[in-house]
Amino acid sequence: MISRQKQFDLDEALPGMTLSDDILDAHGGVLLPRGTTMTEATLLSLRRRGIDKLLVVNEALSAADLAAEQERLLQRLDRLFRKCRNQEASELLLQSVTQYRLGESV
C-alpha cells in the first residue's frame, strides 16, 4: 500500500505538519478537518483534549516517486489477475485490491 500519510505521537508532531485525516472527539465531532496545518496553539489544544496521535501528510514521497510506485503496483496486480479477467467476482476483487493498494477508500 502506498502510504500518503504517516502517524505521529502528539509529542513528536511539529508545527507546519498538515493533517491527512479529520481529528474527531469522543462523540465523533470534528475537532480539526483534514488539511489543517498544525500550529503550536492547535497542538496544545489537542493535548488538552486528550488526543495522543495524528495522521499527517507524508511529505517524504515526491510526486515522481508516488507515480512510479503506483505504476509498479498496477503492473503487479495486472500480472496477478491476468488469467481471470473475464470473471465478475475477480474483477470486483481486483478493483477492491487496487483501491486498497493505492490508498484510496473502498
PDB file of N, CA and C in Angstrom:
ATOM      1  N   MET A   1       0.843  -1.177   0.000  1.00  0.00           N
ATOM      2  CA  MET A   1       0.000   0.000   0.000  1.00  0.00           C
ATOM      3  C   MET A   1       0.885   1.234   0.000  1.00  0.00           C
ATOM      4  N   ILE A   2       0.518   2.207  -0.777  1.00  0.00           N
ATOM      5  CA  ILE A   2       1.250   3.462  -0.825  1.00  0.00           C
ATOM      6  C   ILE A   2       0.764   4.328   0.319  1.00  0.00           C
ATOM      7  N   SER A   3       1.678   4.682   1.180  1.00  0.00           N
ATOM      8  CA  SER A   3       1.282   5.456   2.352  1.00  0.00           C
ATOM      9  C   SER A   3       1.433   6.940   2.083  1.00  0.00           C
ATOM     10  N   ARG A   4       0.305   7.607   1.953  1.00  0.00           N
ATOM     11  CA  ARG A   4       0.307   9.056   1.758  1.00  0.00           C
ATOM     12  C   ARG A   4       0.186   9.773   3.090  1.00  0.00           C
ATOM     13  N   GLN A   5       0.144   8.992   4.133  1.00  0.00           N
ATOM     14  CA  GLN A   5       0.026   9.580   5.461  1.00  0.00           C
ATOM     15  C   GLN A   5       0.973   8.870   6.414  1.00  0.00           C
ATOM     16  N   LYS A   6       1.288   9.543   7.481  1.00  0.00           N
ATOM     17  CA  LYS A   6       2.191   8.992   8.482  1.00  0.00           C
ATOM     18  C   LYS A   6       1.626   9.320   9.852  1.00  0.00           C
ATOM     19  N   GLN A   7       1.672   8.349  10.744  1.00  0.00           N
ATOM     20  CA  GLN A   7       1.143   8.554  12.092  1.00  0.00           C
ATOM     21  C   GLN A   7       2.259   9.028  13.012  1.00  0.00           C
ATOM     22  N   PHE A   8       1.943  10.045  13.808  1.00  0.00           N
ATOM     23  CA  PHE A   8       2.878  10.592  14.781  1.00  0.00           C
ATOM     24  C   PHE A   8       2.206  10.627  16.140  1.00  0.00           C
ATOM     25  N   ASP A   9       2.986  10.380  17.188  1.00  0.00           N
ATOM     26  CA  ASP A   9       2.517  10.688  18.537  1.00  0.00           C
ATOM     27  C   ASP A   9       2.435  12.201  18.625  1.00  0.00           C
ATOM     28  N   LEU A  10       1.505  12.704  19.393  1.00  0.00           N
ATOM     29  CA  LEU A  10       1.339  14.152  19.506  1.00  0.00           C
ATOM     30  C   LEU A  10       2.629  14.814  19.981  1.00  0.00           C
ATOM     31  N   ASP A  11       3.385  14.127  20.839  1.00  0.00           N
ATOM     32  CA  ASP A  11       4.643  14.686  21.339  1.00  0.00           C
ATOM     33  C   ASP A  11       5.692  14.837  20.239  1.00  0.00           C
ATOM     34  N   GLU A  12       5.579  14.062  19.153  1.00  0.00           N
ATOM     35  CA  GLU A  12       6.530  14.126  18.042  1.00  0.00           C
ATOM     36  C   GLU A  12       6.079  15.086  16.944  1.00  0.00           C
ATOM     37  N   ALA A  13       4.821  15.492  16.971  1.00  0.00           N
ATOM     38  CA  ALA A  13       4.276  16.368  15.929  1.00  0.00           C
ATOM     39  C   ALA A  13       4.893  17.756  16.030  1.00  0.00           C
ATOM     40  N   LEU A  14       5.061  18.375  14.861  1.00  0.00           N
ATOM     41  CA  LEU A  14       5.675  19.698  14.786  1.00  0.00           C
ATOM     42  C   LEU A  14       4.737  20.686  14.107  1.00  0.00           C
ATOM     43  N   PRO A  15       4.841  21.960  14.476  1.00  0.00           N
ATOM     44  CA  PRO A  15       4.082  22.976  13.746  1.00  0.00           C
ATOM     45  C   PRO A  15       4.466  22.932  12.263  1.00  0.00           C
ATOM     46  N   GLY A  16       3.478  23.131  11.409  1.00  0.00           N
ATOM     47  CA  GLY A  16       3.719  23.095   9.971  1.00  0.00           C
ATOM     48  C   GLY A  16       3.283  21.793   9.324  1.00  0.00           C
ATOM     49  N   MET A  17       3.104  20.739  10.115  1.00  0.00           N
ATOM     50  CA  MET A  17       2.612  19.474   9.564  1.00  0.00           C
ATOM     51  C   MET A  17       1.147  19.645   9.171  1.00  0.00           C
ATOM     52  N   THR A  18       0.735  18.925   8.126  1.00  0.00           N
ATOM     53  CA  THR A  18      -0.628  19.014   7.612  1.00  0.00           C
ATOM     54  C   THR A  18      -1.380  17.724   7.906  1.00  0.00           C
ATOM     55  N   LEU A  19      -2.583  17.849   8.464  1.00  0.00           N
ATOM     56  CA  LEU A  19      -3.394  16.670   8.780  1.00  0.00           C
ATOM     57  C   LEU A  19      -3.848  15.968   7.507  1.00  0.00           C
ATOM     58  N   SER A  20      -3.726  14.647   7.484  1.00  0.00           N
ATOM     59  CA  SER A  20      -4.207  13.883   6.338  1.00  0.00           C
ATOM     60  C   SER A  20      -5.590  13.291   6.596  1.00  0.00           C
ATOM     61  N   ASP A  21      -6.094  13.462   7.812  1.00  0.00           N
ATOM     62  CA  ASP A  21      -7.418  12.957   8.166  1.00  0.00           C
ATOM     63  C   ASP A  21      -8.022  13.867   9.234  1.00  0.00           C
ATOM     64  N   ASP A  22      -9.347  13.884   9.318  1.00  0.00           N
ATOM     65  CA  ASP A  22     -10.007  14.673  10.359  1.00  0.00           C
ATOM     66  C   ASP A  22      -9.611  14.156  11.740  1.00  0.00           C
ATOM     67  N   ILE A  23      -9.552  15.050  12.711  1.00  0.00           N
ATOM     68  CA  ILE A  23      -9.397  14.653  14.108  1.00  0.00           C
ATOM     69  C   ILE A  23     -10.767  14.787  14.748  1.00  0.00           C
ATOM     70  N   LEU A  24     -11.238  13.674  15.325  1.00  0.00           N
ATOM     71  CA  LEU A  24     -12.580  13.621  15.899  1.00  0.00           C
ATOM     72  C   LEU A  24     -12.510  13.571  17.417  1.00  0.00           C
ATOM     73  N   ASP A  25     -13.546  14.112  18.058  1.00  0.00           N
ATOM     74  CA  ASP A  25     -13.632  13.995  19.517  1.00  0.00           C
ATOM     75  C   ASP A  25     -14.300  12.663  19.866  1.00  0.00           C
ATOM     76  N   ALA A  26     -14.524  12.422  21.135  1.00  0.00           N
ATOM     77  CA  ALA A  26     -15.086  11.149  21.600  1.00  0.00           C
ATOM     78  C   ALA A  26     -16.498  10.899  21.072  1.00  0.00           C
ATOM     79  N   HIS A  27     -17.202  11.951  20.672  1.00  0.00           N
ATOM     80  CA  HIS A  27     -18.573  11.822  20.182  1.00  0.00           C
ATOM     81  C   HIS A  27     -18.653  11.829  18.659  1.00  0.00           C
ATOM     82  N   GLY A  28     -17.504  11.851  17.987  1.00  0.00           N
ATOM     83  CA  GLY A  28     -17.483  11.837  16.529  1.00  0.00           C
ATOM     84  C   GLY A  28     -17.522  13.206  15.893  1.00  0.00           C
ATOM     85  N   GLY A  29     -17.494  14.259  16.696  1.00  0.00           N
ATOM     86  CA  GLY A  29     -17.464  15.616  16.156  1.00  0.00           C
ATOM     87  C   GLY A  29     -16.069  15.960  15.650  1.00  0.00           C
ATOM     88  N   VAL A  30     -16.013  16.742  14.602  1.00  0.00           N
ATOM     89  CA  VAL A  30     -14.727  17.117  14.010  1.00  0.00           C
ATOM     90  C   VAL A  30     -14.089  18.233  14.832  1.00  0.00           C
ATOM     91  N   LEU A  31     -12.916  17.936  15.387  1.00  0.00           N
ATOM     92  CA  LEU A  31     -12.148  18.962  16.099  1.00  0.00           C
ATOM     93  C   LEU A  31     -11.338  19.787  15.111  1.00  0.00           C
ATOM     94  N   LEU A  32     -10.651  19.089  14.203  1.00  0.00           N
ATOM     95  CA  LEU A  32      -9.873  19.748  13.150  1.00  0.00           C
ATOM     96  C   LEU A  32     -10.079  18.973  11.854  1.00  0.00           C
ATOM     97  N   PRO A  33     -10.388  19.658  10.752  1.00  0.00           N
ATOM     98  CA  PRO A  33     -10.605  18.952   9.491  1.00  0.00           C
ATOM     99  C   PRO A  33      -9.291  18.578   8.809  1.00  0.00           C
ATOM    100  N   ARG A  34      -9.393  17.589   7.934  1.00  0.00           N
ATOM    101  CA  ARG A  34      -8.255  17.190   7.106  1.00  0.00           C
ATOM    102  C   ARG A  34      -7.745  18.418   6.355  1.00  0.00           C
ATOM    103  N   GLY A  35      -6.423  18.531   6.216  1.00  0.00           N
ATOM    104  CA  GLY A  35      -5.830  19.653   5.502  1.00  0.00           C
ATOM    105  C   GLY A  35      -5.394  20.790   6.409  1.00  0.00           C
ATOM    106  N   THR A  36      -5.749  20.720   7.690  1.00  0.00           N
ATOM    107  CA  THR A  36      -5.350  21.759   8.642  1.00  0.00           C
ATOM    108  C   THR A  36      -3.849  21.691   8.870  1.00  0.00           C
ATOM    109  N   THR A  37      -3.202  22.846   8.856  1.00  0.00           N
ATOM    110  CA  THR A  37      -1.778  22.923   9.164  1.00  0.00           C
ATOM    111  C   THR A  37      -1.620  23.152  10.659  1.00  0.00           C
ATOM    112  N   MET A  38      -0.829  22.304  11.279  1.00  0.00           N
ATOM    113  CA  MET A  38      -0.638  22.365  12.728  1.00  0.00           C
ATOM    114  C   MET A  38       0.157  23.607  13.141  1.00  0.00           C
ATOM    115  N   THR A  39      -0.248  24.190  14.251  1.00  0.00           N
ATOM    116  CA  THR A  39       0.484  25.293  14.879  1.00  0.00           C
ATOM    117  C   THR A  39       0.735  24.885  16.327  1.00  0.00           C
ATOM    118  N   GLU A  40       1.543  25.661  17.027  1.00  0.00           N
ATOM    119  CA  GLU A  40       1.772  25.382  18.449  1.00  0.00           C
ATOM    120  C   GLU A  40       0.446  25.402  19.213  1.00  0.00           C
ATOM    121  N   ALA A  41      -0.404  26.375  18.885  1.00  0.00           N
ATOM    122  CA  ALA A  41      -1.686  26.504  19.585  1.00  0.00           C
ATOM    123  C   ALA A  41      -2.581  25.288  19.345  1.00  0.00           C
ATOM    124  N   THR A  42      -2.649  24.801  18.101  1.00  0.00           N
ATOM    125  CA  THR A  42      -3.503  23.639  17.831  1.00  0.00           C
ATOM    126  C   THR A  42      -2.945  22.387  18.500  1.00  0.00           C
ATOM    127  N   LEU A  43      -1.632  22.246  18.529  1.00  0.00           N
ATOM    128  CA  LEU A  43      -1.027  21.094  19.197  1.00  0.00           C
ATOM    129  C   LEU A  43      -1.319  21.115  20.696  1.00  0.00           C
ATOM    130  N   LEU A  44      -1.233  22.292  21.310  1.00  0.00           N
ATOM    131  CA  LEU A  44      -1.549  22.414  22.736  1.00  0.00           C
ATOM    132  C   LEU A  44      -3.027  22.113  23.003  1.00  0.00           C
ATOM    133  N   SER A  45      -3.893  22.606  22.134  1.00  0.00           N
ATOM    134  CA  SER A  45      -5.326  22.362  22.284  1.00  0.00           C
ATOM    135  C   SER A  45      -5.644  20.867  22.179  1.00  0.00           C
ATOM    136  N   LEU A  46      -5.007  20.188  21.234  1.00  0.00           N
ATOM    137  CA  LEU A  46      -5.225  18.745  21.087  1.00  0.00           C
ATOM    138  C   LEU A  46      -4.735  17.990  22.322  1.00  0.00           C
ATOM    139  N   ARG A  47      -3.617  18.419  22.856  1.00  0.00           N
ATOM    140  CA  ARG A  47      -3.072  17.781  24.059  1.00  0.00           C
ATOM    141  C   ARG A  47      -4.061  17.922  25.226  1.00  0.00           C
ATOM    142  N   ARG A  48      -4.641  19.122  25.369  1.00  0.00           N
ATOM    143  CA  ARG A  48      -5.627  19.354  26.434  1.00  0.00           C
ATOM    144  C   ARG A  48      -6.863  18.472  26.266  1.00  0.00           C
ATOM    145  N   ARG A  49      -7.210  18.167  25.035  1.00  0.00           N
ATOM    146  CA  ARG A  49      -8.396  17.345  24.761  1.00  0.00           C
ATOM    147  C   ARG A  49      -8.100  15.841  24.821  1.00  0.00           C
ATOM    148  N   GLY A  50      -6.853  15.486  25.098  1.00  0.00           N
ATOM    149  CA  GLY A  50      -6.507  14.075  25.250  1.00  0.00           C
ATOM    150  C   GLY A  50      -6.185  13.344  23.959  1.00  0.00           C
ATOM    151  N   ILE A  51      -5.979  14.082  22.880  1.00  0.00           N
ATOM    152  CA  ILE A  51      -5.594  13.457  21.611  1.00  0.00           C
ATOM    153  C   ILE A  51      -4.118  13.083  21.725  1.00  0.00           C
ATOM    154  N   ASP A  52      -3.772  11.843  21.357  1.00  0.00           N
ATOM    155  CA  ASP A  52      -2.378  11.433  21.504  1.00  0.00           C
ATOM    156  C   ASP A  52      -1.694  11.052  20.200  1.00  0.00           C
ATOM    157  N   LYS A  53      -2.459  10.919  19.098  1.00  0.00           N
ATOM    158  CA  LYS A  53      -1.865  10.559  17.810  1.00  0.00           C
ATOM    159  C   LYS A  53      -2.470  11.405  16.695  1.00  0.00           C
ATOM    160  N   LEU A  54      -1.651  11.659  15.667  1.00  0.00           N
ATOM    161  CA  LEU A  54      -2.079  12.421  14.492  1.00  0.00           C
ATOM    162  C   LEU A  54      -1.704  11.661  13.233  1.00  0.00           C
ATOM    163  N   LEU A  55      -2.538  11.755  12.207  1.00  0.00           N
ATOM    164  CA  LEU A  55      -2.174  11.285  10.878  1.00  0.00           C
ATOM    165  C   LEU A  55      -1.879  12.520  10.046  1.00  0.00           C
ATOM    166  N   VAL A  56      -0.637  12.620   9.574  1.00  0.00           N
ATOM    167  CA  VAL A  56      -0.232  13.789   8.803  1.00  0.00           C
ATOM    168  C   VAL A  56       0.174  13.363   7.403  1.00  0.00           C
ATOM    169  N   VAL A  57       0.181  14.322   6.488  1.00  0.00           N
ATOM    170  CA  VAL A  57       0.570  14.074   5.107  1.00  0.00           C
ATOM    171  C   VAL A  57       2.032  13.655   5.086  1.00  0.00           C
ATOM    172  N   ASN A  58       2.314  12.549   4.396  1.00  0.00           N
ATOM    173  CA  ASN A  58       3.680  12.054   4.258  1.00  0.00           C
ATOM    174  C   ASN A  58       4.352  12.830   3.136  1.00  0.00           C
ATOM    175  N   GLU A  59       5.182  13.764   3.505  1.00  0.00           N
ATOM    176  CA  GLU A  59       5.841  14.608   2.515  1.00  0.00           C
ATOM    177  C   GLU A  59       7.147  14.012   2.024  1.00  0.00           C
ATOM    178  N   ALA A  60       7.491  12.809   2.502  1.00  0.00           N
ATOM    179  CA  ALA A  60       8.730  12.165   2.083  1.00  0.00           C
ATOM    180  C   ALA A  60       8.625  11.627   0.656  1.00  0.00           C
ATOM    181  N   LEU A  61       7.406  11.402   0.166  1.00  0.00           N
ATOM    182  CA  LEU A  61       7.218  10.898  -1.192  1.00  0.00           C
ATOM    183  C   LEU A  61       7.083  12.060  -2.169  1.00  0.00           C
ATOM    184  N   SER A  62       7.943  12.087  -3.166  1.00  0.00           N
ATOM    185  CA  SER A  62       7.800  13.104  -4.206  1.00  0.00           C
ATOM    186  C   SER A  62       6.709  12.646  -5.173  1.00  0.00           C
ATOM    187  N   ALA A  63       6.228  13.552  -5.986  1.00  0.00           N
ATOM    188  CA  ALA A  63       5.178  13.210  -6.954  1.00  0.00           C
ATOM    189  C   ALA A  63       5.679  12.154  -7.935  1.00  0.00           C
ATOM    190  N   ALA A  64       6.942  12.260  -8.348  1.00  0.00           N
ATOM    191  CA  ALA A  64       7.511  11.289  -9.285  1.00  0.00           C
ATOM    192  C   ALA A  64       7.626   9.911  -8.633  1.00  0.00           C
ATOM    193  N   ASP A  65       8.062   9.872  -7.375  1.00  0.00           N
ATOM    194  CA  ASP A  65       8.162   8.597  -6.658  1.00  0.00           C
ATOM    195  C   ASP A  65       6.789   7.964  -6.485  1.00  0.00           C
ATOM    196  N   LEU A  66       5.812   8.770  -6.165  1.00  0.00           N
ATOM    197  CA  LEU A  66       4.452   8.281  -5.979  1.00  0.00           C
ATOM    198  C   LEU A  66       3.900   7.704  -7.283  1.00  0.00           C
ATOM    199  N   ALA A  67       4.100   8.409  -8.386  1.00  0.00           N
ATOM    200  CA  ALA A  67       3.622   7.933  -9.687  1.00  0.00           C
ATOM    201  C   ALA A  67       4.315   6.632 -10.084  1.00  0.00           C
ATOM    202  N   ALA A  68       5.613   6.537  -9.846  1.00  0.00           N
ATOM    203  CA  ALA A  68       6.358   5.322 -10.181  1.00  0.00           C
ATOM    204  C   ALA A  68       5.878   4.142  -9.342  1.00  0.00           C
ATOM    205  N   GLU A  69       5.639   4.364  -8.068  1.00  0.00           N
ATOM    206  CA  GLU A  69       5.161   3.296  -7.191  1.00  0.00           C
ATOM    207  C   GLU A  69       3.748   2.870  -7.579  1.00  0.00           C
ATOM    208  N   GLN A  70       2.894   3.815  -7.947  1.00  0.00           N
ATOM    209  CA  GLN A  70       1.542   3.473  -8.401  1.00  0.00           C
ATOM    210  C   GLN A  70       1.604   2.612  -9.658  1.00  0.00           C
ATOM    211  N   GLU A  71       2.456   2.985 -10.598  1.00  0.00           N
ATOM    212  CA  GLU A  71       2.593   2.226 -11.843  1.00  0.00           C
ATOM    213  C   GLU A  71       3.106   0.815 -11.562  1.00  0.00           C
ATOM    214  N   ARG A  72       4.073   0.692 -10.666  1.00  0.00           N
ATOM    215  CA  ARG A  72       4.614  -0.620 -10.312  1.00  0.00           C
ATOM    216  C   ARG A  72       3.518  -1.502  -9.699  1.00  0.00           C
ATOM    217  N   LEU A  73       2.719  -0.930  -8.810  1.00  0.00           N
ATOM    218  CA  LEU A  73       1.634  -1.687  -8.183  1.00  0.00           C
ATOM    219  C   LEU A  73       0.579  -2.115  -9.198  1.00  0.00           C
ATOM    220  N   LEU A  74       0.226  -1.223 -10.112  1.00  0.00           N
ATOM    221  CA  LEU A  74      -0.776  -1.558 -11.127  1.00  0.00           C
ATOM    222  C   LEU A  74      -0.283  -2.673 -12.042  1.00  0.00           C
ATOM    223  N   GLN A  75       0.986  -2.632 -12.429  1.00  0.00           N
ATOM    224  CA  GLN A  75       1.551  -3.688 -13.272  1.00  0.00           C
ATOM    225  C   GLN A  75       1.562  -5.026 -12.539  1.00  0.00           C
ATOM    226  N   ARG A  76       1.900  -4.996 -11.264  1.00  0.00           N
ATOM    227  CA  ARG A  76       1.928  -6.222 -10.461  1.00  0.00           C
ATOM    228  C   ARG A  76       0.528  -6.830 -10.353  1.00  0.00           C
ATOM    229  N   LEU A  77      -0.466  -6.011 -10.080  1.00  0.00           N
ATOM    230  CA  LEU A  77      -1.835  -6.519  -9.978  1.00  0.00           C
ATOM    231  C   LEU A  77      -2.337  -7.037 -11.319  1.00  0.00           C
ATOM    232  N   ASP A  78      -1.968  -6.366 -12.396  1.00  0.00           N
ATOM    233  CA  ASP A  78      -2.360  -6.816 -13.728  1.00  0.00           C
ATOM    234  C   ASP A  78      -1.797  -8.212 -14.000  1.00  0.00           C
ATOM    235  N   ARG A  79      -0.563  -8.421 -13.611  1.00  0.00           N
ATOM    236  CA  ARG A  79       0.054  -9.740 -13.792  1.00  0.00           C
ATOM    237  C   ARG A  79      -0.642 -10.798 -12.924  1.00  0.00           C
ATOM    238  N   LEU A  80      -0.932 -10.468 -11.677  1.00  0.00           N
ATOM    239  CA  LEU A  80      -1.560 -11.433 -10.778  1.00  0.00           C
ATOM    240  C   LEU A  80      -2.966 -11.836 -11.229  1.00  0.00           C
ATOM    241  N   PHE A  81      -3.687 -10.917 -11.852  1.00  0.00           N
ATOM    242  CA  PHE A  81      -5.077 -11.179 -12.251  1.00  0.00           C
ATOM    243  C   PHE A  81      -5.214 -11.476 -13.747  1.00  0.00           C
ATOM    244  N   ARG A  82      -4.121 -11.705 -14.437  1.00  0.00           N
ATOM    245  CA  ARG A  82      -4.150 -11.849 -15.893  1.00  0.00           C
ATOM    246  C   ARG A  82      -4.993 -13.024 -16.389  1.00  0.00           C
ATOM    247  N   LYS A  83      -5.126 -14.087 -15.633  1.00  0.00           N
ATOM    248  CA  LYS A  83      -5.827 -15.283 -16.108  1.00  0.00           C
ATOM    249  C   LYS A  83      -7.303 -15.328 -15.726  1.00  0.00           C
ATOM    250  N   CYS A  84      -7.763 -14.368 -14.983  1.00  0.00           N
ATOM    251  CA  CYS A  84      -9.167 -14.422 -14.543  1.00  0.00           C
ATOM    252  C   CYS A  84      -9.886 -13.099 -14.807  1.00  0.00           C
ATOM    253  N   ARG A  85      -9.525 -12.425 -15.874  1.00  0.00           N
ATOM    254  CA  ARG A  85     -10.084 -11.107 -16.195  1.00  0.00           C
ATOM    255  C   ARG A  85     -11.568 -11.122 -16.537  1.00  0.00           C
ATOM    256  N   ASN A  86     -12.081 -12.199 -17.070  1.00  0.00           N
ATOM    257  CA  ASN A  86     -13.460 -12.201 -17.566  1.00  0.00           C
ATOM    258  C   ASN A  86     -14.472 -12.703 -16.545  1.00  0.00           C
ATOM    259  N   GLN A  87     -14.077 -12.777 -15.297  1.00  0.00           N
ATOM    260  CA  GLN A  87     -14.984 -13.244 -14.256  1.00  0.00           C
ATOM    261  C   GLN A  87     -15.380 -12.061 -13.383  1.00  0.00           C
ATOM    262  N   GLU A  88     -16.683 -11.914 -13.179  1.00  0.00           N
ATOM    263  CA  GLU A  88     -17.192 -10.747 -12.449  1.00  0.00           C
ATOM    264  C   GLU A  88     -16.617 -10.648 -11.034  1.00  0.00           C
ATOM    265  N   ALA A  89     -16.570 -11.768 -10.331  1.00  0.00           N
ATOM    266  CA  ALA A  89     -16.044 -11.751  -8.960  1.00  0.00           C
ATOM    267  C   ALA A  89     -14.574 -11.341  -8.945  1.00  0.00           C
ATOM    268  N   SER A  90     -13.820 -11.823  -9.913  1.00  0.00           N
ATOM    269  CA  SER A  90     -12.397 -11.467  -9.995  1.00  0.00           C
ATOM    270  C   SER A  90     -12.214  -9.988 -10.295  1.00  0.00           C
ATOM    271  N   GLU A  91     -13.064  -9.454 -11.144  1.00  0.00           N
ATOM    272  CA  GLU A  91     -12.988  -8.025 -11.458  1.00  0.00           C
ATOM    273  C   GLU A  91     -13.283  -7.174 -10.223  1.00  0.00           C
ATOM    274  N   LEU A  92     -14.286  -7.582  -9.448  1.00  0.00           N
ATOM    275  CA  LEU A  92     -14.605  -6.855  -8.215  1.00  0.00           C
ATOM    276  C   LEU A  92     -13.463  -6.946  -7.210  1.00  0.00           C
ATOM    277  N   LEU A  93     -12.865  -8.131  -7.106  1.00  0.00           N
ATOM    278  CA  LEU A  93     -11.728  -8.306  -6.203  1.00  0.00           C
ATOM    279  C   LEU A  93     -10.553  -7.447  -6.657  1.00  0.00           C
ATOM    280  N   LEU A  94     -10.265  -7.453  -7.953  1.00  0.00           N
ATOM    281  CA  LEU A  94      -9.176  -6.627  -8.484  1.00  0.00           C
ATOM    282  C   LEU A  94      -9.422  -5.151  -8.195  1.00  0.00           C
ATOM    283  N   GLN A  95     -10.641  -4.703  -8.384  1.00  0.00           N
ATOM    284  CA  GLN A  95     -10.974  -3.306  -8.122  1.00  0.00           C
ATOM    285  C   GLN A  95     -10.747  -2.953  -6.647  1.00  0.00           C
ATOM    286  N   SER A  96     -11.195  -3.810  -5.758  1.00  0.00           N
ATOM    287  CA  SER A  96     -11.026  -3.556  -4.320  1.00  0.00           C
ATOM    288  C   SER A  96      -9.561  -3.584  -3.908  1.00  0.00           C
ATOM    289  N   VAL A  97      -8.815  -4.559  -4.411  1.00  0.00           N
ATOM    290  CA  VAL A  97      -7.392  -4.654  -4.079  1.00  0.00           C
ATOM    291  C   VAL A  97      -6.643  -3.447  -4.633  1.00  0.00           C
ATOM    292  N   THR A  98      -6.985  -3.027  -5.835  1.00  0.00           N
ATOM    293  CA  THR A  98      -6.330  -1.857  -6.434  1.00  0.00           C
ATOM    294  C   THR A  98      -6.578  -0.616  -5.592  1.00  0.00           C
ATOM    295  N   GLN A  99      -7.817  -0.394  -5.194  1.00  0.00           N
ATOM    296  CA  GLN A  99      -8.122   0.769  -4.356  1.00  0.00           C
ATOM    297  C   GLN A  99      -7.370   0.708  -3.035  1.00  0.00           C
ATOM    298  N   TYR A 100      -7.313  -0.468  -2.436  1.00  0.00           N
ATOM    299  CA  TYR A 100      -6.599  -0.621  -1.169  1.00  0.00           C
ATOM    300  C   TYR A 100      -5.111  -0.343  -1.353  1.00  0.00           C
ATOM    301  N   ARG A 101      -4.522  -0.945  -2.363  1.00  0.00           N
ATOM    302  CA  ARG A 101      -3.082  -0.792  -2.591  1.00  0.00           C
ATOM    303  C   ARG A 101      -2.701   0.649  -2.910  1.00  0.00           C
ATOM    304  N   LEU A 102      -3.570   1.365  -3.580  1.00  0.00           N
ATOM    305  CA  LEU A 102      -3.278   2.760  -3.928  1.00  0.00           C
ATOM    306  C   LEU A 102      -3.651   3.715  -2.804  1.00  0.00           C
ATOM    307  N   GLY A 103      -4.206   3.176  -1.718  1.00  0.00           N
ATOM    308  CA  GLY A 103      -4.531   4.011  -0.570  1.00  0.00           C
ATOM    309  C   GLY A 103      -5.812   4.796  -0.723  1.00  0.00           C
ATOM    310  N   GLU A 104      -6.680   4.351  -1.632  1.00  0.00           N
ATOM    311  CA  GLU A 104      -7.963   5.023  -1.837  1.00  0.00           C
ATOM    312  C   GLU A 104      -8.997   4.360  -0.949  1.00  0.00           C
ATOM    313  N   SER A 105     -10.037   5.097  -0.601  1.00  0.00           N
ATOM    314  CA  SER A 105     -11.095   4.492   0.213  1.00  0.00           C
ATOM    315  C   SER A 105     -11.903   3.538  -0.646  1.00  0.00           C
ATOM    316  N   VAL A 106     -12.287   2.436  -0.045  1.00  0.00           N
ATOM    317  CA  VAL A 106     -13.034   1.402  -0.778  1.00  0.00           C
ATOM    318  C   VAL A 106     -14.507   1.605  -0.585  1.00  0.00           C
TER     319      VAL A 106
END
